């Protein structure tokens, strides 16, 4: 017996959004439908603090850490969650982690820049 059919939905968008979705799909090597599903899954997971385990992910994603306030220290667990979520840390987050670890912030920013280059290369940009 084949896979059960997944529900289908239709929506309207501007030409600009359509063009950007097409560009994103091409860069990621995905279908437009898959890109839209990924974007919606991420938005729902963030809004409702749930884990989306159905396609296109095939895996559970780590929840994003709460926003770090000036009063809060960015701890190692939150920093790793940022990385696992696929988001690259901001300059402020890198400076805070560098201070906590006693390393030069410039070195961490340099590592992030290298990661950005690898992500672009992997996406064919």
PDB file of N, CA and C in Angstrom:
ATOM      1  N   UNK A   1       0.838  -1.164   0.000  1.00  0.00           N
ATOM      2  CA  UNK A   1       0.000   0.000   0.000  1.00  0.00           C
ATOM      3  C   UNK A   1       0.895   1.244   0.000  1.00  0.00           C
ATOM      4  N   UNK A   2       0.563   2.264  -0.820  1.00  0.00           N
ATOM      5  CA  UNK A   2       1.363   3.477  -0.948  1.00  0.00           C
ATOM      6  C   UNK A   2       1.209   4.392   0.246  1.00  0.00           C
ATOM      7  N   UNK A   3       1.998   5.447   0.221  1.00  0.00           N
ATOM      8  CA  UNK A   3       1.924   6.443   1.283  1.00  0.00           C
ATOM      9  C   UNK A   3       0.565   7.126   1.267  1.00  0.00           C
ATOM     10  N   UNK A   4       0.040   7.465   2.449  1.00  0.00           N
ATOM     11  CA  UNK A   4      -1.206   8.225   2.458  1.00  0.00           C
ATOM     12  C   UNK A   4      -0.962   9.609   1.856  1.00  0.00           C
ATOM     13  N   UNK A   5      -1.936  10.102   1.162  1.00  0.00           N
ATOM     14  CA  UNK A   5      -1.819  11.400   0.515  1.00  0.00           C
ATOM     15  C   UNK A   5      -1.813  12.520   1.560  1.00  0.00           C
ATOM     16  N   UNK A   6      -0.896  13.425   1.410  1.00  0.00           N
ATOM     17  CA  UNK A   6      -0.798  14.554   2.340  1.00  0.00           C
ATOM     18  C   UNK A   6      -1.795  15.635   1.948  1.00  0.00           C
ATOM     19  N   UNK A   7      -2.314  16.356   2.934  1.00  0.00           N
ATOM     20  CA  UNK A   7      -3.256  17.428   2.620  1.00  0.00           C
ATOM     21  C   UNK A   7      -2.599  18.492   1.741  1.00  0.00           C
ATOM     22  N   UNK A   8      -3.378  19.094   0.886  1.00  0.00           N
ATOM     23  CA  UNK A   8      -2.878  20.154   0.012  1.00  0.00           C
ATOM     24  C   UNK A   8      -3.564  21.461   0.367  1.00  0.00           C
ATOM     25  N   UNK A   9      -2.817  22.540   0.217  1.00  0.00           N
ATOM     26  CA  UNK A   9      -3.355  23.870   0.474  1.00  0.00           C
ATOM     27  C   UNK A   9      -2.912  24.778  -0.669  1.00  0.00           C
ATOM     28  N   UNK A  10      -3.648  25.849  -0.847  1.00  0.00           N
ATOM     29  CA  UNK A  10      -3.309  26.808  -1.875  1.00  0.00           C
ATOM     30  C   UNK A  10      -3.309  28.200  -1.246  1.00  0.00           C
ATOM     31  N   UNK A  11      -2.427  29.072  -1.702  1.00  0.00           N
ATOM     32  CA  UNK A  11      -2.414  30.433  -1.194  1.00  0.00           C
ATOM     33  C   UNK A  11      -2.005  31.384  -2.306  1.00  0.00           C
ATOM     34  N   UNK A  12      -2.269  32.649  -2.091  1.00  0.00           N
ATOM     35  CA  UNK A  12      -1.889  33.691  -3.043  1.00  0.00           C
ATOM     36  C   UNK A  12      -0.781  34.527  -2.429  1.00  0.00           C
ATOM     37  N   UNK A  13       0.088  35.071  -3.281  1.00  0.00           N
ATOM     38  CA  UNK A  13       1.152  35.944  -2.810  1.00  0.00           C
ATOM     39  C   UNK A  13       1.491  36.943  -3.908  1.00  0.00           C
ATOM     40  N   UNK A  14       2.295  37.917  -3.562  1.00  0.00           N
ATOM     41  CA  UNK A  14       2.713  38.924  -4.537  1.00  0.00           C
ATOM     42  C   UNK A  14       3.739  38.324  -5.495  1.00  0.00           C
ATOM     43  N   UNK A  15       3.946  38.996  -6.619  1.00  0.00           N
ATOM     44  CA  UNK A  15       4.963  38.554  -7.581  1.00  0.00           C
ATOM     45  C   UNK A  15       6.352  38.562  -6.932  1.00  0.00           C
ATOM     46  N   UNK A  16       6.592  39.573  -6.079  1.00  0.00           N
ATOM     47  CA  UNK A  16       7.879  39.679  -5.398  1.00  0.00           C
ATOM     48  C   UNK A  16       8.133  38.466  -4.512  1.00  0.00           C
ATOM     49  N   UNK A  17       7.133  38.068  -3.719  1.00  0.00           N
ATOM     50  CA  UNK A  17       7.283  36.897  -2.844  1.00  0.00           C
ATOM     51  C   UNK A  17       7.460  35.638  -3.687  1.00  0.00           C
ATOM     52  N   UNK A  18       6.701  35.513  -4.752  1.00  0.00           N
ATOM     53  CA  UNK A  18       6.824  34.350  -5.644  1.00  0.00           C
ATOM     54  C   UNK A  18       8.246  34.245  -6.195  1.00  0.00           C
ATOM     55  N   UNK A  19       8.788  35.374  -6.656  1.00  0.00           N
ATOM     56  CA  UNK A  19      10.146  35.397  -7.201  1.00  0.00           C
ATOM     57  C   UNK A  19      11.168  34.998  -6.148  1.00  0.00           C
ATOM     58  N   UNK A  20      11.001  35.511  -4.917  1.00  0.00           N
ATOM     59  CA  UNK A  20      11.938  35.170  -3.841  1.00  0.00           C
ATOM     60  C   UNK A  20      11.825  33.705  -3.432  1.00  0.00           C
ATOM     61  N   UNK A  21      10.608  33.158  -3.443  1.00  0.00           N
ATOM     62  CA  UNK A  21      10.431  31.736  -3.138  1.00  0.00           C
ATOM     63  C   UNK A  21      11.107  30.875  -4.209  1.00  0.00           C
ATOM     64  N   UNK A  22      10.974  31.267  -5.461  1.00  0.00           N
ATOM     65  CA  UNK A  22      11.623  30.534  -6.552  1.00  0.00           C
ATOM     66  C   UNK A  22      13.145  30.587  -6.412  1.00  0.00           C
ATOM     67  N   UNK A  23      13.651  31.775  -6.063  1.00  0.00           N
ATOM     68  CA  UNK A  23      15.101  31.931  -5.864  1.00  0.00           C
ATOM     69  C   UNK A  23      15.583  31.055  -4.715  1.00  0.00           C
ATOM     70  N   UNK A  24      14.841  31.063  -3.610  1.00  0.00           N
ATOM     71  CA  UNK A  24      15.206  30.252  -2.453  1.00  0.00           C
ATOM     72  C   UNK A  24      15.204  28.766  -2.807  1.00  0.00           C
ATOM     73  N   UNK A  25      14.185  28.338  -3.531  1.00  0.00           N
ATOM     74  CA  UNK A  25      14.087  26.928  -3.931  1.00  0.00           C
ATOM     75  C   UNK A  25      15.278  26.526  -4.792  1.00  0.00           C
ATOM     76  N   UNK A  26      15.647  27.391  -5.717  1.00  0.00           N
ATOM     77  CA  UNK A  26      16.791  27.095  -6.590  1.00  0.00           C
ATOM     78  C   UNK A  26      18.087  27.027  -5.788  1.00  0.00           C
ATOM     79  N   UNK A  27      18.283  27.983  -4.880  1.00  0.00           N
ATOM     80  CA  UNK A  27      19.497  28.016  -4.059  1.00  0.00           C
ATOM     81  C   UNK A  27      19.615  26.791  -3.164  1.00  0.00           C
ATOM     82  N   UNK A  28      18.470  26.309  -2.653  1.00  0.00           N
ATOM     83  CA  UNK A  28      18.479  25.181  -1.719  1.00  0.00           C
ATOM     84  C   UNK A  28      18.341  23.837  -2.418  1.00  0.00           C
ATOM     85  N   UNK A  29      18.123  23.853  -3.726  1.00  0.00           N
ATOM     86  CA  UNK A  29      17.936  22.598  -4.453  1.00  0.00           C
ATOM     87  C   UNK A  29      16.666  21.881  -4.039  1.00  0.00           C
ATOM     88  N   UNK A  30      15.617  22.644  -3.758  1.00  0.00           N
ATOM     89  CA  UNK A  30      14.330  22.098  -3.308  1.00  0.00           C
ATOM     90  C   UNK A  30      13.229  22.560  -4.250  1.00  0.00           C
ATOM     91  N   UNK A  31      12.070  21.957  -4.094  1.00  0.00           N
ATOM     92  CA  UNK A  31      10.900  22.445  -4.826  1.00  0.00           C
ATOM     93  C   UNK A  31      10.350  23.664  -4.094  1.00  0.00           C
ATOM     94  N   UNK A  32       9.595  24.484  -4.803  1.00  0.00           N
ATOM     95  CA  UNK A  32       8.977  25.653  -4.167  1.00  0.00           C
ATOM     96  C   UNK A  32       8.051  25.191  -3.054  1.00  0.00           C
ATOM     97  N   UNK A  33       7.290  24.140  -3.298  1.00  0.00           N
ATOM     98  CA  UNK A  33       6.383  23.612  -2.284  1.00  0.00           C
ATOM     99  C   UNK A  33       7.141  23.210  -1.025  1.00  0.00           C
ATOM    100  N   UNK A  34       8.304  22.585  -1.206  1.00  0.00           N
ATOM    101  CA  UNK A  34       9.113  22.153  -0.071  1.00  0.00           C
ATOM    102  C   UNK A  34       9.649  23.345   0.708  1.00  0.00           C
ATOM    103  N   UNK A  35      10.069  24.397   0.008  1.00  0.00           N
ATOM    104  CA  UNK A  35      10.557  25.611   0.677  1.00  0.00           C
ATOM    105  C   UNK A  35       9.434  26.244   1.490  1.00  0.00           C
ATOM    106  N   UNK A  36       8.248  26.338   0.902  1.00  0.00           N
ATOM    107  CA  UNK A  36       7.107  26.926   1.608  1.00  0.00           C
ATOM    108  C   UNK A  36       6.774  26.103   2.842  1.00  0.00           C
ATOM    109  N   UNK A  37       6.780  24.784   2.705  1.00  0.00           N
ATOM    110  CA  UNK A  37       6.491  23.923   3.851  1.00  0.00           C
ATOM    111  C   UNK A  37       7.529  24.122   4.953  1.00  0.00           C
ATOM    112  N   UNK A  38       8.812  24.225   4.571  1.00  0.00           N
ATOM    113  CA  UNK A  38       9.877  24.446   5.557  1.00  0.00           C
ATOM    114  C   UNK A  38       9.666  25.770   6.292  1.00  0.00           C
ATOM    115  N   UNK A  39       9.349  26.823   5.550  1.00  0.00           N
ATOM    116  CA  UNK A  39       9.136  28.143   6.158  1.00  0.00           C
ATOM    117  C   UNK A  39       7.956  28.093   7.123  1.00  0.00           C
ATOM    118  N   UNK A  40       6.871  27.465   6.701  1.00  0.00           N
ATOM    119  CA  UNK A  40       5.683  27.366   7.558  1.00  0.00           C
ATOM    120  C   UNK A  40       5.983  26.524   8.794  1.00  0.00           C
ATOM    121  N   UNK A  41       6.662  25.390   8.613  1.00  0.00           N
ATOM    122  CA  UNK A  41       7.017  24.542   9.759  1.00  0.00           C
ATOM    123  C   UNK A  41       7.861  25.312  10.772  1.00  0.00           C
ATOM    124  N   UNK A  42       8.851  26.080  10.285  1.00  0.00           N
ATOM    125  CA  UNK A  42       9.697  26.855  11.189  1.00  0.00           C
ATOM    126  C   UNK A  42       8.882  27.909  11.937  1.00  0.00           C
ATOM    127  N   UNK A  43       7.984  28.581  11.221  1.00  0.00           N
ATOM    128  CA  UNK A  43       7.161  29.616  11.863  1.00  0.00           C
ATOM    129  C   UNK A  43       6.244  29.015  12.926  1.00  0.00           C
ATOM    130  N   UNK A  44       5.619  27.891  12.619  1.00  0.00           N
ATOM    131  CA  UNK A  44       4.715  27.244  13.578  1.00  0.00           C
ATOM    132  C   UNK A  44       5.498  26.709  14.773  1.00  0.00           C
ATOM    133  N   UNK A  45       6.645  26.097  14.510  1.00  0.00           N
ATOM    134  CA  UNK A  45       7.470  25.570  15.610  1.00  0.00           C
ATOM    135  C   UNK A  45       7.898  26.689  16.552  1.00  0.00           C
ATOM    136  N   UNK A  46       8.271  27.833  15.987  1.00  0.00           N
ATOM    137  CA  UNK A  46       8.692  28.969  16.804  1.00  0.00           C
ATOM    138  C   UNK A  46       7.510  29.564  17.561  1.00  0.00           C
ATOM    139  N   UNK A  47       6.409  29.783  16.865  1.00  0.00           N
ATOM    140  CA  UNK A  47       5.246  30.430  17.484  1.00  0.00           C
ATOM    141  C   UNK A  47       4.667  29.596  18.620  1.00  0.00           C
ATOM    142  N   UNK A  48       4.570  28.277  18.419  1.00  0.00           N
ATOM    143  CA  UNK A  48       3.910  27.426  19.405  1.00  0.00           C
ATOM    144  C   UNK A  48       4.877  26.591  20.236  1.00  0.00           C
ATOM    145  N   UNK A  49       6.172  26.808  20.070  1.00  0.00           N
ATOM    146  CA  UNK A  49       7.200  26.057  20.814  1.00  0.00           C
ATOM    147  C   UNK A  49       6.973  24.551  20.722  1.00  0.00           C
ATOM    148  N   UNK A  50       6.798  24.075  19.492  1.00  0.00           N
ATOM    149  CA  UNK A  50       6.619  22.644  19.247  1.00  0.00           C
ATOM    150  C   UNK A  50       7.712  22.158  18.304  1.00  0.00           C
ATOM    151  N   UNK A  51       7.891  20.859  18.266  1.00  0.00           N
ATOM    152  CA  UNK A  51       8.841  20.254  17.347  1.00  0.00           C
ATOM    153  C   UNK A  51       8.079  19.707  16.150  1.00  0.00           C
ATOM    154  N   UNK A  52       8.498  20.084  14.975  1.00  0.00           N
ATOM    155  CA  UNK A  52       7.902  19.568  13.744  1.00  0.00           C
ATOM    156  C   UNK A  52       8.811  18.460  13.243  1.00  0.00           C
ATOM    157  N   UNK A  53       8.291  17.250  13.158  1.00  0.00           N
ATOM    158  CA  UNK A  53       9.137  16.106  12.778  1.00  0.00           C
ATOM    159  C   UNK A  53       8.759  15.521  11.428  1.00  0.00           C
ATOM    160  N   UNK A  54       7.764  16.082  10.769  1.00  0.00           N
ATOM    161  CA  UNK A  54       7.376  15.574   9.458  1.00  0.00           C
ATOM    162  C   UNK A  54       8.223  16.214   8.373  1.00  0.00           C
ATOM    163  N   UNK A  55       8.113  15.726   7.164  1.00  0.00           N
ATOM    164  CA  UNK A  55       8.863  16.304   6.060  1.00  0.00           C
ATOM    165  C   UNK A  55       8.652  17.797   6.035  1.00  0.00           C
ATOM    166  N   UNK A  56       9.610  18.584   5.614  1.00  0.00           N
ATOM    167  CA  UNK A  56      10.844  18.214   4.947  1.00  0.00           C
ATOM    168  C   UNK A  56      12.015  17.931   5.880  1.00  0.00           C
ATOM    169  N   UNK A  57      11.788  17.890   7.195  1.00  0.00           N
ATOM    170  CA  UNK A  57      12.896  17.765   8.138  1.00  0.00           C
ATOM    171  C   UNK A  57      13.400  16.355   8.382  1.00  0.00           C
ATOM    172  N   UNK A  58      12.531  15.424   8.611  1.00  0.00           N
ATOM    173  CA  UNK A  58      12.915  14.050   8.927  1.00  0.00           C
ATOM    174  C   UNK A  58      13.652  13.916  10.256  1.00  0.00           C
ATOM    175  N   UNK A  59      13.763  14.996  11.005  1.00  0.00           N
ATOM    176  CA  UNK A  59      14.439  14.932  12.287  1.00  0.00           C
ATOM    177  C   UNK A  59      13.840  15.997  13.197  1.00  0.00           C
ATOM    178  N   UNK A  60      14.025  15.784  14.479  1.00  0.00           N
ATOM    179  CA  UNK A  60      13.573  16.791  15.430  1.00  0.00           C
ATOM    180  C   UNK A  60      14.594  17.913  15.455  1.00  0.00           C
ATOM    181  N   UNK A  61      14.117  19.137  15.502  1.00  0.00           N
ATOM    182  CA  UNK A  61      15.016  20.276  15.562  1.00  0.00           C
ATOM    183  C   UNK A  61      15.063  20.806  16.984  1.00  0.00           C
ATOM    184  N   UNK A  62      16.216  21.310  17.354  1.00  0.00           N
ATOM    185  CA  UNK A  62      16.368  21.882  18.693  1.00  0.00           C
ATOM    186  C   UNK A  62      15.594  23.189  18.755  1.00  0.00           C
ATOM    187  N   UNK A  63      14.879  23.435  19.837  1.00  0.00           N
ATOM    188  CA  UNK A  63      14.160  24.697  19.947  1.00  0.00           C
ATOM    189  C   UNK A  63      15.144  25.856  20.009  1.00  0.00           C
ATOM    190  N   UNK A  64      14.743  26.976  19.434  1.00  0.00           N
ATOM    191  CA  UNK A  64      15.586  28.156  19.486  1.00  0.00           C
ATOM    192  C   UNK A  64      15.644  28.678  20.913  1.00  0.00           C
ATOM    193  N   UNK A  65      16.783  29.210  21.314  1.00  0.00           N
ATOM    194  CA  UNK A  65      16.880  29.746  22.664  1.00  0.00           C
ATOM    195  C   UNK A  65      16.067  31.019  22.782  1.00  0.00           C
ATOM    196  N   UNK A  66      15.688  31.377  24.007  1.00  0.00           N
ATOM    197  CA  UNK A  66      14.999  32.647  24.191  1.00  0.00           C
ATOM    198  C   UNK A  66      15.945  33.784  23.847  1.00  0.00           C
ATOM    199  N   UNK A  67      15.373  34.936  23.524  1.00  0.00           N
ATOM    200  CA  UNK A  67      16.205  36.101  23.246  1.00  0.00           C
ATOM    201  C   UNK A  67      17.058  36.400  24.477  1.00  0.00           C
ATOM    202  N   UNK A  68      18.267  36.793  24.245  1.00  0.00           N
ATOM    203  CA  UNK A  68      19.180  37.096  25.334  1.00  0.00           C
ATOM    204  C   UNK A  68      19.078  38.583  25.643  1.00  0.00           C
ATOM    205  N   UNK A  69      18.733  38.916  26.866  1.00  0.00           N
ATOM    206  CA  UNK A  69      18.649  40.308  27.302  1.00  0.00           C
ATOM    207  C   UNK A  69      20.007  40.771  27.779  1.00  0.00           C
ATOM    208  N   UNK A  70      20.148  42.079  27.969  1.00  0.00           N
ATOM    209  CA  UNK A  70      21.411  42.617  28.482  1.00  0.00           C
ATOM    210  C   UNK A  70      21.738  42.041  29.851  1.00  0.00           C
ATOM    211  N   UNK A  71      20.696  41.690  30.628  1.00  0.00           N
ATOM    212  CA  UNK A  71      20.908  41.173  31.974  1.00  0.00           C
ATOM    213  C   UNK A  71      21.311  39.698  31.979  1.00  0.00           C
ATOM    214  N   UNK A  72      21.010  38.988  30.887  1.00  0.00           N
ATOM    215  CA  UNK A  72      21.245  37.548  30.826  1.00  0.00           C
ATOM    216  C   UNK A  72      22.604  37.246  30.212  1.00  0.00           C
ATOM    217  N   UNK A  73      23.204  36.157  30.668  1.00  0.00           N
ATOM    218  CA  UNK A  73      24.415  35.667  30.042  1.00  0.00           C
ATOM    219  C   UNK A  73      24.010  34.594  29.045  1.00  0.00           C
ATOM    220  N   UNK A  74      24.648  34.604  27.886  1.00  0.00           N
ATOM    221  CA  UNK A  74      24.408  33.568  26.890  1.00  0.00           C
ATOM    222  C   UNK A  74      25.194  32.348  27.340  1.00  0.00           C
ATOM    223  N   UNK A  75      24.473  31.291  27.744  1.00  0.00           N
ATOM    224  CA  UNK A  75      25.188  30.116  28.224  1.00  0.00           C
ATOM    225  C   UNK A  75      25.502  29.168  27.068  1.00  0.00           C
ATOM    226  N   UNK A  76      26.339  28.198  27.338  1.00  0.00           N
ATOM    227  CA  UNK A  76      26.799  27.274  26.300  1.00  0.00           C
ATOM    228  C   UNK A  76      25.645  26.523  25.661  1.00  0.00           C
ATOM    229  N   UNK A  77      24.671  26.118  26.457  1.00  0.00           N
ATOM    230  CA  UNK A  77      23.529  25.377  25.918  1.00  0.00           C
ATOM    231  C   UNK A  77      22.751  26.216  24.917  1.00  0.00           C
ATOM    232  N   UNK A  78      22.473  27.477  25.263  1.00  0.00           N
ATOM    233  CA  UNK A  78      21.757  28.354  24.342  1.00  0.00           C
ATOM    234  C   UNK A  78      22.567  28.608  23.076  1.00  0.00           C
ATOM    235  N   UNK A  79      23.872  28.781  23.248  1.00  0.00           N
ATOM    236  CA  UNK A  79      24.735  29.016  22.097  1.00  0.00           C
ATOM    237  C   UNK A  79      24.713  27.811  21.150  1.00  0.00           C
ATOM    238  N   UNK A  80      24.781  26.609  21.708  1.00  0.00           N
ATOM    239  CA  UNK A  80      24.730  25.405  20.874  1.00  0.00           C
ATOM    240  C   UNK A  80      23.373  25.262  20.188  1.00  0.00           C
ATOM    241  N   UNK A  81      22.308  25.645  20.866  1.00  0.00           N
ATOM    242  CA  UNK A  81      20.982  25.600  20.238  1.00  0.00           C
ATOM    243  C   UNK A  81      20.903  26.549  19.049  1.00  0.00           C
ATOM    244  N   UNK A  82      21.526  27.694  19.178  1.00  0.00           N
ATOM    245  CA  UNK A  82      21.567  28.631  18.052  1.00  0.00           C
ATOM    246  C   UNK A  82      22.234  27.953  16.859  1.00  0.00           C
ATOM    247  N   UNK A  83      23.379  27.339  17.093  1.00  0.00           N
ATOM    248  CA  UNK A  83      24.104  26.673  16.014  1.00  0.00           C
ATOM    249  C   UNK A  83      23.314  25.505  15.433  1.00  0.00           C
ATOM    250  N   UNK A  84      22.702  24.697  16.309  1.00  0.00           N
ATOM    251  CA  UNK A  84      21.935  23.539  15.847  1.00  0.00           C
ATOM    252  C   UNK A  84      20.695  23.942  15.067  1.00  0.00           C
ATOM    253  N   UNK A  85      20.161  25.116  15.343  1.00  0.00           N
ATOM    254  CA  UNK A  85      18.972  25.578  14.626  1.00  0.00           C
ATOM    255  C   UNK A  85      19.302  25.987  13.201  1.00  0.00           C
ATOM    256  N   UNK A  86      20.601  26.124  12.903  1.00  0.00           N
ATOM    257  CA  UNK A  86      21.000  26.540  11.569  1.00  0.00           C
ATOM    258  C   UNK A  86      21.209  28.044  11.456  1.00  0.00           C
ATOM    259  N   UNK A  87      20.910  28.770  12.520  1.00  0.00           N
ATOM    260  CA  UNK A  87      21.096  30.212  12.519  1.00  0.00           C
ATOM    261  C   UNK A  87      22.513  30.524  12.972  1.00  0.00           C
ATOM    262  N   UNK A  88      23.153  31.428  12.278  1.00  0.00           N
ATOM    263  CA  UNK A  88      24.476  31.848  12.694  1.00  0.00           C
ATOM    264  C   UNK A  88      24.346  32.903  13.787  1.00  0.00           C
ATOM    265  N   UNK A  89      25.199  32.856  14.798  1.00  0.00           N
ATOM    266  CA  UNK A  89      25.094  33.802  15.906  1.00  0.00           C
ATOM    267  C   UNK A  89      25.420  35.229  15.477  1.00  0.00           C
ATOM    268  N   UNK A  90      24.810  36.190  16.157  1.00  0.00           N
ATOM    269  CA  UNK A  90      25.057  37.610  15.898  1.00  0.00           C
ATOM    270  C   UNK A  90      26.403  38.012  16.474  1.00  0.00           C
ATOM    271  N   UNK A  91      26.866  39.206  16.099  1.00  0.00           N
ATOM    272  CA  UNK A  91      28.114  39.722  16.675  1.00  0.00           C
ATOM    273  C   UNK A  91      28.022  39.794  18.189  1.00  0.00           C
ATOM    274  N   UNK A  92      26.886  40.300  18.688  1.00  0.00           N
ATOM    275  CA  UNK A  92      26.710  40.429  20.133  1.00  0.00           C
ATOM    276  C   UNK A  92      26.793  39.092  20.845  1.00  0.00           C
ATOM    277  N   UNK A  93      26.169  38.069  20.259  1.00  0.00           N
ATOM    278  CA  UNK A  93      26.211  36.732  20.865  1.00  0.00           C
ATOM    279  C   UNK A  93      27.633  36.181  20.854  1.00  0.00           C
ATOM    280  N   UNK A  94      28.353  36.420  19.751  1.00  0.00           N
ATOM    281  CA  UNK A  94      29.739  35.943  19.677  1.00  0.00           C
ATOM    282  C   UNK A  94      30.637  36.662  20.676  1.00  0.00           C
ATOM    283  N   UNK A  95      30.437  37.948  20.831  1.00  0.00           N
ATOM    284  CA  UNK A  95      31.245  38.714  21.795  1.00  0.00           C
ATOM    285  C   UNK A  95      30.973  38.220  23.208  1.00  0.00           C
ATOM    286  N   UNK A  96      29.710  37.950  23.515  1.00  0.00           N
ATOM    287  CA  UNK A  96      29.360  37.469  24.855  1.00  0.00           C
ATOM    288  C   UNK A  96      29.975  36.099  25.128  1.00  0.00           C
ATOM    289  N   UNK A  97      29.908  35.206  24.153  1.00  0.00           N
ATOM    290  CA  UNK A  97      30.492  33.874  24.325  1.00  0.00           C
ATOM    291  C   UNK A  97      32.012  33.984  24.434  1.00  0.00           C
ATOM    292  N   UNK A  98      32.620  34.844  23.614  1.00  0.00           N
ATOM    293  CA  UNK A  98      34.073  35.024  23.677  1.00  0.00           C
ATOM    294  C   UNK A  98      34.500  35.507  25.053  1.00  0.00           C
ATOM    295  N   UNK A  99      33.741  36.452  25.610  1.00  0.00           N
ATOM    296  CA  UNK A  99      34.045  36.971  26.941  1.00  0.00           C
ATOM    297  C   UNK A  99      33.937  35.860  27.978  1.00  0.00           C
ATOM    298  N   UNK A 100      32.875  35.071  27.886  1.00  0.00           N
ATOM    299  CA  UNK A 100      32.662  33.969  28.830  1.00  0.00           C
ATOM    300  C   UNK A 100      33.781  32.935  28.732  1.00  0.00           C
ATOM    301  N   UNK A 101      34.219  32.636  27.502  1.00  0.00           N
ATOM    302  CA  UNK A 101      35.252  31.616  27.298  1.00  0.00           C
ATOM    303  C   UNK A 101      36.666  32.152  27.457  1.00  0.00           C
ATOM    304  N   UNK A 102      36.799  33.484  27.462  1.00  0.00           N
ATOM    305  CA  UNK A 102      38.130  34.069  27.567  1.00  0.00           C
ATOM    306  C   UNK A 102      38.923  33.969  26.282  1.00  0.00           C
ATOM    307  N   UNK A 103      38.232  34.026  25.140  1.00  0.00           N
ATOM    308  CA  UNK A 103      38.911  33.995  23.841  1.00  0.00           C
ATOM    309  C   UNK A 103      38.630  35.306  23.112  1.00  0.00           C
ATOM    310  N   UNK A 104      39.370  35.547  22.039  1.00  0.00           N
ATOM    311  CA  UNK A 104      39.182  36.770  21.260  1.00  0.00           C
ATOM    312  C   UNK A 104      37.912  36.669  20.421  1.00  0.00           C
ATOM    313  N   UNK A 105      37.080  37.694  20.533  1.00  0.00           N
ATOM    314  CA  UNK A 105      35.836  37.728  19.765  1.00  0.00           C
ATOM    315  C   UNK A 105      36.118  37.696  18.263  1.00  0.00           C
ATOM    316  N   UNK A 106      37.214  38.308  17.848  1.00  0.00           N
ATOM    317  CA  UNK A 106      37.559  38.333  16.421  1.00  0.00           C
ATOM    318  C   UNK A 106      37.710  36.923  15.855  1.00  0.00           C
ATOM    319  N   UNK A 107      38.251  36.021  16.662  1.00  0.00           N
ATOM    320  CA  UNK A 107      38.432  34.629  16.211  1.00  0.00           C
ATOM    321  C   UNK A 107      37.075  33.954  15.986  1.00  0.00           C
ATOM    322  N   UNK A 108      36.133  34.195  16.887  1.00  0.00           N
ATOM    323  CA  UNK A 108      34.801  33.602  16.722  1.00  0.00           C
ATOM    324  C   UNK A 108      34.076  34.214  15.528  1.00  0.00           C
ATOM    325  N   UNK A 109      34.229  35.513  15.325  1.00  0.00           N
ATOM    326  CA  UNK A 109      33.607  36.167  14.167  1.00  0.00           C
ATOM    327  C   UNK A 109      34.222  35.625  12.877  1.00  0.00           C
ATOM    328  N   UNK A 110      35.526  35.379  12.899  1.00  0.00           N
ATOM    329  CA  UNK A 110      36.209  34.790  11.743  1.00  0.00           C
ATOM    330  C   UNK A 110      35.667  33.385  11.448  1.00  0.00           C
ATOM    331  N   UNK A 111      35.451  32.593  12.489  1.00  0.00           N
ATOM    332  CA  UNK A 111      34.875  31.254  12.307  1.00  0.00           C
ATOM    333  C   UNK A 111      33.467  31.334  11.715  1.00  0.00           C
ATOM    334  N   UNK A 112      32.656  32.289  12.207  1.00  0.00           N
ATOM    335  CA  UNK A 112      31.302  32.455  11.675  1.00  0.00           C
ATOM    336  C   UNK A 112      31.352  32.810  10.192  1.00  0.00           C
ATOM    337  N   UNK A 113      32.286  33.686   9.810  1.00  0.00           N
ATOM    338  CA  UNK A 113      32.427  34.075   8.409  1.00  0.00           C
ATOM    339  C   UNK A 113      32.769  32.860   7.545  1.00  0.00           C
ATOM    340  N   UNK A 114      33.640  32.000   8.054  1.00  0.00           N
ATOM    341  CA  UNK A 114      33.987  30.772   7.323  1.00  0.00           C
ATOM    342  C   UNK A 114      32.757  29.869   7.178  1.00  0.00           C
ATOM    343  N   UNK A 115      31.961  29.764   8.246  1.00  0.00           N
ATOM    344  CA  UNK A 115      30.746  28.955   8.186  1.00  0.00           C
ATOM    345  C   UNK A 115      29.761  29.511   7.164  1.00  0.00           C
ATOM    346  N   UNK A 116      29.639  30.837   7.103  1.00  0.00           N
ATOM    347  CA  UNK A 116      28.749  31.461   6.134  1.00  0.00           C
ATOM    348  C   UNK A 116      29.173  31.082   4.722  1.00  0.00           C
ATOM    349  N   UNK A 117      30.483  31.108   4.473  1.00  0.00           N
ATOM    350  CA  UNK A 117      31.003  30.737   3.150  1.00  0.00           C
ATOM    351  C   UNK A 117      30.700  29.294   2.811  1.00  0.00           C
ATOM    352  N   UNK A 118      30.830  28.395   3.803  1.00  0.00           N
ATOM    353  CA  UNK A 118      30.543  26.977   3.566  1.00  0.00           C
ATOM    354  C   UNK A 118      29.057  26.752   3.318  1.00  0.00           C
ATOM    355  N   UNK A 119      28.190  27.486   4.044  1.00  0.00           N
ATOM    356  CA  UNK A 119      26.751  27.346   3.846  1.00  0.00           C
ATOM    357  C   UNK A 119      26.362  27.796   2.440  1.00  0.00           C
ATOM    358  N   UNK A 120      26.958  28.917   1.987  1.00  0.00           N
ATOM    359  CA  UNK A 120      26.678  29.422   0.640  1.00  0.00           C
ATOM    360  C   UNK A 120      27.145  28.438  -0.410  1.00  0.00           C
ATOM    361  N   UNK A 121      28.343  27.870  -0.202  1.00  0.00           N
ATOM    362  CA  UNK A 121      28.896  26.900  -1.163  1.00  0.00           C
ATOM    363  C   UNK A 121      28.018  25.639  -1.226  1.00  0.00           C
ATOM    364  N   UNK A 122      27.526  25.205  -0.068  1.00  0.00           N
ATOM    365  CA  UNK A 122      26.678  24.003  -0.017  1.00  0.00           C
ATOM    366  C   UNK A 122      25.345  24.244  -0.721  1.00  0.00           C
ATOM    367  N   UNK A 123      24.871  25.500  -0.691  1.00  0.00           N
ATOM    368  CA  UNK A 123      23.603  25.840  -1.344  1.00  0.00           C
ATOM    369  C   UNK A 123      23.807  26.202  -2.805  1.00  0.00           C
ATOM    370  N   UNK A 124      25.060  26.204  -3.272  1.00  0.00           N
ATOM    371  CA  UNK A 124      25.326  26.515  -4.664  1.00  0.00           C
ATOM    372  C   UNK A 124      25.288  27.990  -4.983  1.00  0.00           C
ATOM    373  N   UNK A 125      25.413  28.836  -3.974  1.00  0.00           N
ATOM    374  CA  UNK A 125      25.401  30.290  -4.221  1.00  0.00           C
ATOM    375  C   UNK A 125      26.759  30.782  -4.597  1.00  0.00           C
TER     376      UNK A 125
END
